[in-house]
Protein backbone atom coordinates (compact mmCIF):
# COMPACT_ATOMS: atom_id res chain seq x y z
CA MET A 1 104.20 102.81 87.60
CA THR A 2 102.42 104.91 90.20
CA CYS A 3 101.36 103.79 93.67
CA THR A 4 97.74 103.96 92.56
CA GLU A 5 98.45 101.60 89.66
CA PHE A 6 100.36 99.29 92.00
CA LEU A 7 97.53 99.19 94.52
CA ALA A 8 95.03 98.46 91.76
CA MET A 9 97.06 95.35 90.89
CA LEU A 10 97.75 94.27 94.49
CA ASP A 11 95.09 91.54 94.59
CA ASP A 12 96.29 90.05 91.32
CA LEU A 13 99.90 90.15 92.50
CA ILE A 14 99.05 88.37 95.74
CA ASP A 15 96.93 85.81 93.85
CA ASP A 16 99.81 85.30 91.37
CA ALA A 17 97.50 86.26 88.53
CA VAL A 18 99.81 88.62 86.66
CA THR A 19 101.94 88.12 83.59
CA PRO A 20 105.69 87.83 84.04
CA GLN A 21 106.12 91.25 82.41
CA LEU A 22 103.63 92.90 84.78
CA ARG A 23 105.21 91.11 87.75
CA ALA A 24 108.57 92.61 86.76
CA GLU A 25 107.01 96.09 86.58
CA LEU A 26 105.39 95.63 89.98
CA GLN A 27 108.66 94.40 91.49
CA GLU A 28 110.49 97.36 89.99
CA HIS A 29 108.01 99.71 91.62
CA LEU A 30 108.43 97.93 94.95
CA HIS A 31 112.19 98.40 94.87
CA GLY A 32 111.72 102.16 94.79
CA CYS A 33 108.63 102.58 96.97
CA ASP A 34 108.75 101.81 100.67
CA HIS A 35 105.05 102.63 101.08
CA CYS A 36 103.91 99.98 98.60
CA GLU A 37 106.42 97.47 99.97
CA VAL A 38 104.95 97.90 103.46
CA THR A 39 101.42 97.68 102.07
CA LEU A 40 102.19 94.42 100.27
CA SER A 41 103.94 92.94 103.29
CA THR A 42 101.15 93.94 105.68
CA THR A 43 98.48 92.59 103.35
CA ARG A 44 100.27 89.25 103.01
CA LYS A 45 100.71 88.99 106.78
CA THR A 46 97.04 89.81 107.34
CA ILE A 47 95.99 87.08 104.92
CA GLN A 48 98.36 84.63 106.59
CA ILE A 49 96.93 85.39 110.04
CA TYR A 50 93.38 85.11 108.74
CA ARG A 51 94.08 81.76 107.08
CA SER A 52 95.75 80.36 110.19
CA HIS A 53 92.56 81.02 112.20
CA GLU A 54 94.62 82.13 115.14
CA LEU A 55 92.71 84.18 117.66
CA TYR A 56 94.46 86.93 119.52
CA ASP A 57 93.16 88.37 122.75
CA MET A 58 93.24 92.13 122.94
CA PRO A 59 93.32 94.02 126.17
CA SER A 60 89.80 95.24 126.96
CA GLY A 61 90.85 98.89 126.76
CA LEU A 62 92.27 98.41 123.27
CA ARG A 63 89.22 96.45 122.17
CA GLU A 64 86.90 99.24 123.35
CA ARG A 65 88.96 102.00 121.70
CA LEU A 66 89.13 100.06 118.43
CA HIS A 67 85.39 99.40 118.46
CA ALA A 68 84.66 103.09 119.17
CA ALA A 69 86.99 104.20 116.36
CA ILE A 70 85.39 101.82 113.87
CA MET A 71 81.87 102.88 114.83
CA ALA A 72 82.80 106.58 114.60
CA ARG A 73 84.29 106.03 111.16
CA CYS A 74 81.21 104.13 109.97
CA LYS A 75 78.91 106.91 111.19
CA LYS A 76 80.91 109.37 109.07
CA GLY A 77 80.51 107.09 106.05
CA CYS A 78 83.22 104.56 105.29
């Protein structure tokens, strides 16, 4: 399995909507791919934070830099 194939199945994996055979293939890929393991972990943590409705204050400088970066990226075409 390639990283691209893994990422295409990421939503289904997180939603537990994969067959046992596909889950085994995805787990096998994760054991050999640090990048996809980090992606899965980060995605799960992001969902957990979102669901908990916790608000985090960012320092104003960070907030401004993040906003500027997002706006610059959107102007280039996301």
